[in-house]
Amino acid sequence: MARPRKSVSCPVETTLRVVAGRWKALVIYYLLEDVLRFNELHRLLRGISPRTLTKQLRELERDGIIRRKVHAEVPPRVEYSLTPLGRSLEPVLLSMGEWGEAYAHRVPARTG
């Protein structure tokens, strides 16, 4: 028997569900600037595996945050961009960046 889905009890939890994880917020951040191809994103996100990037992109597309456009060319050209819903996260990410700049000295650095 399938478990009922947990209902979201807090608006912050809704936001975190969309941007949580090490890479999703960064993918959105880079797409705020431009439409990017897979390899461009992969180069920008140093340390991410192609498999993980593919998974993150699929989840963001499923949630309506990014758009995947396949151009009818040989070889196919695939571009990723933000949807209006994804673009609405811009002030959230910019605020997170400002907070990080202001308080990075108070948060212990992680190793490994």
N, C-alpha and C. Protein backbone atom coordinates (compact mmCIF):
# COMPACT_ATOMS: atom_id res chain seq x y z
N MET A 1 0.84 -1.18 0.00
CA MET A 1 0.00 0.00 0.00
C MET A 1 0.89 1.24 0.00
N ALA A 2 0.59 2.17 -0.88
CA ALA A 2 1.40 3.38 -1.01
C ALA A 2 1.14 4.31 0.16
N ARG A 3 2.19 4.93 0.62
CA ARG A 3 2.07 5.91 1.70
C ARG A 3 1.50 7.21 1.14
N PRO A 4 0.68 7.89 1.90
CA PRO A 4 0.21 9.21 1.44
C PRO A 4 1.37 10.18 1.43
N ARG A 5 1.38 11.09 0.45
CA ARG A 5 2.44 12.10 0.36
C ARG A 5 2.32 13.06 1.52
N LYS A 6 3.46 13.40 2.07
CA LYS A 6 3.49 14.37 3.16
C LYS A 6 3.09 15.73 2.62
N SER A 7 2.17 16.37 3.29
CA SER A 7 1.79 17.71 2.85
C SER A 7 2.83 18.71 3.35
N VAL A 8 3.02 19.74 2.58
CA VAL A 8 3.99 20.76 2.93
C VAL A 8 3.34 21.67 3.97
N SER A 9 4.03 21.83 5.10
CA SER A 9 3.44 22.60 6.18
C SER A 9 3.96 24.03 6.26
N CYS A 10 4.94 24.34 5.45
CA CYS A 10 5.57 25.65 5.55
C CYS A 10 6.00 26.11 4.15
N PRO A 11 5.77 27.36 3.80
CA PRO A 11 6.18 27.85 2.48
C PRO A 11 7.69 27.72 2.24
N VAL A 12 8.49 27.84 3.30
CA VAL A 12 9.94 27.68 3.14
C VAL A 12 10.25 26.25 2.70
N GLU A 13 9.51 25.30 3.22
CA GLU A 13 9.71 23.90 2.84
C GLU A 13 9.42 23.69 1.35
N THR A 14 8.43 24.39 0.82
CA THR A 14 8.14 24.32 -0.61
C THR A 14 9.33 24.80 -1.42
N THR A 15 9.90 25.93 -1.02
CA THR A 15 11.06 26.48 -1.72
C THR A 15 12.24 25.53 -1.63
N LEU A 16 12.50 25.02 -0.44
CA LEU A 16 13.62 24.11 -0.26
C LEU A 16 13.45 22.83 -1.07
N ARG A 17 12.23 22.36 -1.20
CA ARG A 17 11.99 21.15 -1.98
C ARG A 17 12.42 21.35 -3.43
N VAL A 18 12.28 22.56 -3.94
CA VAL A 18 12.63 22.86 -5.33
C VAL A 18 14.13 23.10 -5.49
N VAL A 19 14.76 23.82 -4.57
CA VAL A 19 16.17 24.22 -4.76
C VAL A 19 17.14 23.44 -3.89
N ALA A 20 16.65 22.49 -3.10
CA ALA A 20 17.52 21.76 -2.18
C ALA A 20 18.57 20.94 -2.93
N GLY A 21 19.65 20.70 -2.25
CA GLY A 21 20.73 19.93 -2.82
C GLY A 21 21.89 20.84 -3.16
N ARG A 22 22.97 20.23 -3.47
CA ARG A 22 24.20 20.99 -3.70
C ARG A 22 24.17 21.75 -5.03
N TRP A 23 23.44 21.25 -6.03
CA TRP A 23 23.60 21.76 -7.39
C TRP A 23 22.43 22.55 -7.94
N LYS A 24 21.21 22.29 -7.51
CA LYS A 24 20.04 22.91 -8.15
C LYS A 24 20.07 24.43 -8.07
N ALA A 25 20.38 24.98 -6.92
CA ALA A 25 20.42 26.44 -6.79
C ALA A 25 21.48 27.03 -7.72
N LEU A 26 22.60 26.32 -7.87
CA LEU A 26 23.66 26.81 -8.76
C LEU A 26 23.24 26.74 -10.22
N VAL A 27 22.54 25.68 -10.60
CA VAL A 27 22.03 25.58 -11.97
C VAL A 27 21.11 26.76 -12.25
N ILE A 28 20.19 27.02 -11.34
CA ILE A 28 19.25 28.13 -11.51
C ILE A 28 20.02 29.45 -11.58
N TYR A 29 20.99 29.62 -10.70
CA TYR A 29 21.78 30.85 -10.66
C TYR A 29 22.46 31.11 -12.01
N TYR A 30 23.10 30.09 -12.58
CA TYR A 30 23.77 30.29 -13.87
C TYR A 30 22.78 30.52 -15.00
N LEU A 31 21.61 29.92 -14.91
CA LEU A 31 20.61 30.13 -15.96
C LEU A 31 19.93 31.49 -15.84
N LEU A 32 20.09 32.18 -14.73
CA LEU A 32 19.58 33.55 -14.62
C LEU A 32 20.29 34.45 -15.63
N GLU A 33 21.54 34.14 -15.93
CA GLU A 33 22.36 34.96 -16.81
C GLU A 33 22.15 34.67 -18.29
N ASP A 34 21.90 33.40 -18.64
CA ASP A 34 21.90 33.04 -20.05
C ASP A 34 21.27 31.67 -20.26
N VAL A 35 20.92 31.39 -21.50
CA VAL A 35 20.53 30.06 -21.93
C VAL A 35 21.83 29.27 -22.07
N LEU A 36 21.86 28.06 -21.53
CA LEU A 36 23.10 27.29 -21.55
C LEU A 36 22.86 25.87 -22.04
N ARG A 37 23.89 25.31 -22.64
CA ARG A 37 23.88 23.91 -23.05
C ARG A 37 24.44 23.06 -21.92
N PHE A 38 24.23 21.75 -22.03
CA PHE A 38 24.65 20.82 -20.99
C PHE A 38 26.13 20.97 -20.67
N ASN A 39 26.99 20.95 -21.69
CA ASN A 39 28.43 21.02 -21.45
C ASN A 39 28.85 22.35 -20.84
N GLU A 40 28.14 23.43 -21.17
CA GLU A 40 28.44 24.73 -20.56
C GLU A 40 28.13 24.68 -19.06
N LEU A 41 26.97 24.11 -18.71
CA LEU A 41 26.62 23.96 -17.30
C LEU A 41 27.62 23.06 -16.59
N HIS A 42 28.00 21.97 -17.24
CA HIS A 42 28.94 21.02 -16.64
C HIS A 42 30.27 21.70 -16.34
N ARG A 43 30.74 22.55 -17.23
CA ARG A 43 32.00 23.28 -17.00
C ARG A 43 31.87 24.27 -15.84
N LEU A 44 30.73 24.94 -15.76
CA LEU A 44 30.52 25.92 -14.69
C LEU A 44 30.40 25.27 -13.31
N LEU A 45 29.82 24.09 -13.28
CA LEU A 45 29.58 23.39 -12.01
C LEU A 45 30.72 22.40 -11.76
N ARG A 46 31.86 22.91 -11.42
CA ARG A 46 33.03 22.06 -11.20
C ARG A 46 32.74 21.03 -10.12
N GLY A 47 33.00 19.77 -10.45
CA GLY A 47 32.83 18.71 -9.47
C GLY A 47 31.57 17.89 -9.62
N ILE A 48 30.65 18.31 -10.47
CA ILE A 48 29.42 17.54 -10.67
C ILE A 48 29.66 16.50 -11.76
N SER A 49 29.11 15.32 -11.55
CA SER A 49 29.22 14.29 -12.58
C SER A 49 28.14 14.52 -13.63
N PRO A 50 28.38 14.07 -14.86
CA PRO A 50 27.33 14.20 -15.89
C PRO A 50 26.03 13.54 -15.47
N ARG A 51 26.12 12.40 -14.81
CA ARG A 51 24.90 11.69 -14.36
C ARG A 51 24.11 12.52 -13.35
N THR A 52 24.81 13.12 -12.40
CA THR A 52 24.14 13.95 -11.39
C THR A 52 23.54 15.19 -12.03
N LEU A 53 24.26 15.82 -12.95
CA LEU A 53 23.73 17.00 -13.63
C LEU A 53 22.47 16.64 -14.40
N THR A 54 22.48 15.53 -15.10
CA THR A 54 21.30 15.09 -15.84
C THR A 54 20.12 14.90 -14.89
N LYS A 55 20.36 14.28 -13.75
CA LYS A 55 19.29 14.05 -12.77
C LYS A 55 18.74 15.38 -12.25
N GLN A 56 19.63 16.31 -11.91
CA GLN A 56 19.19 17.61 -11.39
C GLN A 56 18.39 18.37 -12.45
N LEU A 57 18.85 18.35 -13.69
CA LEU A 57 18.13 19.03 -14.77
C LEU A 57 16.75 18.43 -14.98
N ARG A 58 16.67 17.11 -14.94
CA ARG A 58 15.35 16.46 -15.11
C ARG A 58 14.39 16.84 -13.99
N GLU A 59 14.90 16.89 -12.75
CA GLU A 59 14.04 17.27 -11.63
C GLU A 59 13.58 18.72 -11.74
N LEU A 60 14.48 19.60 -12.14
CA LEU A 60 14.10 21.01 -12.30
C LEU A 60 13.10 21.18 -13.45
N GLU A 61 13.27 20.39 -14.50
CA GLU A 61 12.30 20.43 -15.61
C GLU A 61 10.95 19.90 -15.16
N ARG A 62 10.97 18.81 -14.41
CA ARG A 62 9.73 18.22 -13.89
C ARG A 62 8.97 19.20 -13.01
N ASP A 63 9.71 19.99 -12.23
CA ASP A 63 9.09 20.95 -11.32
C ASP A 63 8.71 22.26 -12.00
N GLY A 64 8.98 22.38 -13.31
CA GLY A 64 8.58 23.56 -14.05
C GLY A 64 9.52 24.74 -13.88
N ILE A 65 10.74 24.49 -13.41
CA ILE A 65 11.70 25.57 -13.14
C ILE A 65 12.53 25.88 -14.38
N ILE A 66 12.90 24.85 -15.13
CA ILE A 66 13.68 25.06 -16.35
C ILE A 66 12.95 24.48 -17.55
N ARG A 67 13.36 24.94 -18.71
CA ARG A 67 12.82 24.47 -19.99
C ARG A 67 13.99 23.84 -20.74
N ARG A 68 13.74 22.69 -21.31
CA ARG A 68 14.73 21.99 -22.14
C ARG A 68 14.26 22.08 -23.58
N LYS A 69 15.08 22.69 -24.43
CA LYS A 69 14.71 22.86 -25.83
C LYS A 69 15.70 22.09 -26.70
N VAL A 70 15.15 21.18 -27.49
CA VAL A 70 15.96 20.37 -28.40
C VAL A 70 15.79 20.94 -29.79
N HIS A 71 16.90 21.37 -30.41
CA HIS A 71 16.88 21.91 -31.76
C HIS A 71 17.04 20.76 -32.75
N ALA A 72 16.26 20.81 -33.81
CA ALA A 72 16.29 19.76 -34.84
C ALA A 72 17.51 19.94 -35.72
N GLU A 73 18.64 19.52 -35.21
CA GLU A 73 19.90 19.60 -35.93
C GLU A 73 20.62 18.28 -35.77
N VAL A 74 21.64 18.07 -36.58
CA VAL A 74 22.47 16.88 -36.43
C VAL A 74 23.89 17.36 -36.20
N PRO A 75 24.50 17.06 -35.05
CA PRO A 75 23.89 16.42 -33.88
C PRO A 75 22.90 17.37 -33.20
N PRO A 76 21.97 16.81 -32.42
CA PRO A 76 20.96 17.65 -31.77
C PRO A 76 21.62 18.63 -30.79
N ARG A 77 21.10 19.83 -30.77
CA ARG A 77 21.56 20.86 -29.83
C ARG A 77 20.47 21.03 -28.79
N VAL A 78 20.85 20.87 -27.51
CA VAL A 78 19.89 20.98 -26.41
C VAL A 78 20.29 22.19 -25.56
N GLU A 79 19.32 23.05 -25.30
CA GLU A 79 19.56 24.25 -24.50
C GLU A 79 18.61 24.26 -23.30
N TYR A 80 19.12 24.80 -22.21
CA TYR A 80 18.34 24.92 -20.98
C TYR A 80 18.16 26.39 -20.65
N SER A 81 16.94 26.73 -20.25
CA SER A 81 16.63 28.10 -19.85
C SER A 81 15.63 28.06 -18.71
N LEU A 82 15.47 29.19 -18.05
CA LEU A 82 14.50 29.28 -16.97
C LEU A 82 13.11 29.56 -17.52
N THR A 83 12.13 28.96 -16.90
CA THR A 83 10.74 29.30 -17.17
C THR A 83 10.42 30.55 -16.35
N PRO A 84 9.26 31.16 -16.57
CA PRO A 84 8.87 32.28 -15.69
C PRO A 84 8.86 31.87 -14.20
N LEU A 85 8.43 30.65 -13.91
CA LEU A 85 8.45 30.17 -12.53
C LEU A 85 9.88 30.11 -12.01
N GLY A 86 10.80 29.60 -12.82
CA GLY A 86 12.21 29.55 -12.43
C GLY A 86 12.79 30.93 -12.24
N ARG A 87 12.45 31.85 -13.12
CA ARG A 87 12.96 33.22 -13.02
C ARG A 87 12.44 33.89 -11.75
N SER A 88 11.28 33.47 -11.26
CA SER A 88 10.74 34.06 -10.03
C SER A 88 11.60 33.73 -8.81
N LEU A 89 12.52 32.77 -8.94
CA LEU A 89 13.43 32.44 -7.84
C LEU A 89 14.63 33.40 -7.76
N GLU A 90 14.76 34.30 -8.73
CA GLU A 90 15.92 35.20 -8.75
C GLU A 90 16.10 35.97 -7.44
N PRO A 91 15.08 36.64 -6.89
CA PRO A 91 15.32 37.38 -5.65
C PRO A 91 15.70 36.46 -4.49
N VAL A 92 15.20 35.24 -4.50
CA VAL A 92 15.54 34.28 -3.44
C VAL A 92 17.03 33.95 -3.51
N LEU A 93 17.52 33.62 -4.72
CA LEU A 93 18.93 33.25 -4.87
C LEU A 93 19.85 34.45 -4.63
N LEU A 94 19.46 35.62 -5.09
CA LEU A 94 20.28 36.81 -4.85
C LEU A 94 20.36 37.13 -3.35
N SER A 95 19.26 36.96 -2.65
CA SER A 95 19.27 37.17 -1.19
C SER A 95 20.16 36.15 -0.50
N MET A 96 20.12 34.90 -0.96
CA MET A 96 20.99 33.87 -0.40
C MET A 96 22.45 34.24 -0.63
N GLY A 97 22.76 34.75 -1.82
CA GLY A 97 24.12 35.16 -2.12
C GLY A 97 24.58 36.31 -1.24
N GLU A 98 23.71 37.28 -1.04
CA GLU A 98 24.05 38.42 -0.18
C GLU A 98 24.29 37.97 1.26
N TRP A 99 23.44 37.08 1.73
CA TRP A 99 23.62 36.55 3.09
C TRP A 99 24.95 35.81 3.19
N GLY A 100 25.26 34.99 2.17
CA GLY A 100 26.51 34.25 2.17
C GLY A 100 27.72 35.15 2.20
N GLU A 101 27.68 36.25 1.45
CA GLU A 101 28.79 37.21 1.46
C GLU A 101 28.93 37.89 2.83
N ALA A 102 27.81 38.23 3.41
CA ALA A 102 27.84 38.96 4.69
C ALA A 102 28.26 38.08 5.86
N TYR A 103 27.91 36.81 5.83
CA TYR A 103 28.11 35.96 7.01
C TYR A 103 29.02 34.76 6.78
N ALA A 104 29.69 34.67 5.66
CA ALA A 104 30.57 33.54 5.38
C ALA A 104 31.64 33.39 6.45
N HIS A 105 32.10 34.49 7.00
CA HIS A 105 33.15 34.45 8.02
C HIS A 105 32.65 33.85 9.34
N ARG A 106 31.35 33.75 9.54
CA ARG A 106 30.78 33.21 10.78
C ARG A 106 30.36 31.76 10.66
N VAL A 107 30.42 31.23 9.45
CA VAL A 107 30.00 29.84 9.22
C VAL A 107 31.25 29.01 8.98
N PRO A 108 31.45 27.95 9.77
CA PRO A 108 32.65 27.14 9.58
C PRO A 108 32.71 26.53 8.17
N ALA A 109 33.89 26.52 7.59
CA ALA A 109 34.08 25.92 6.26
C ALA A 109 33.96 24.41 6.37
N ARG A 110 33.36 23.79 5.37
CA ARG A 110 33.24 22.33 5.34
C ARG A 110 34.41 21.74 4.59
N THR A 111 34.87 20.63 5.05
CA THR A 111 35.91 19.89 4.32
C THR A 111 35.37 18.53 3.97
N GLY A 112 35.64 18.14 2.72
CA GLY A 112 35.23 16.82 2.27
C GLY A 112 33.85 16.72 2.04
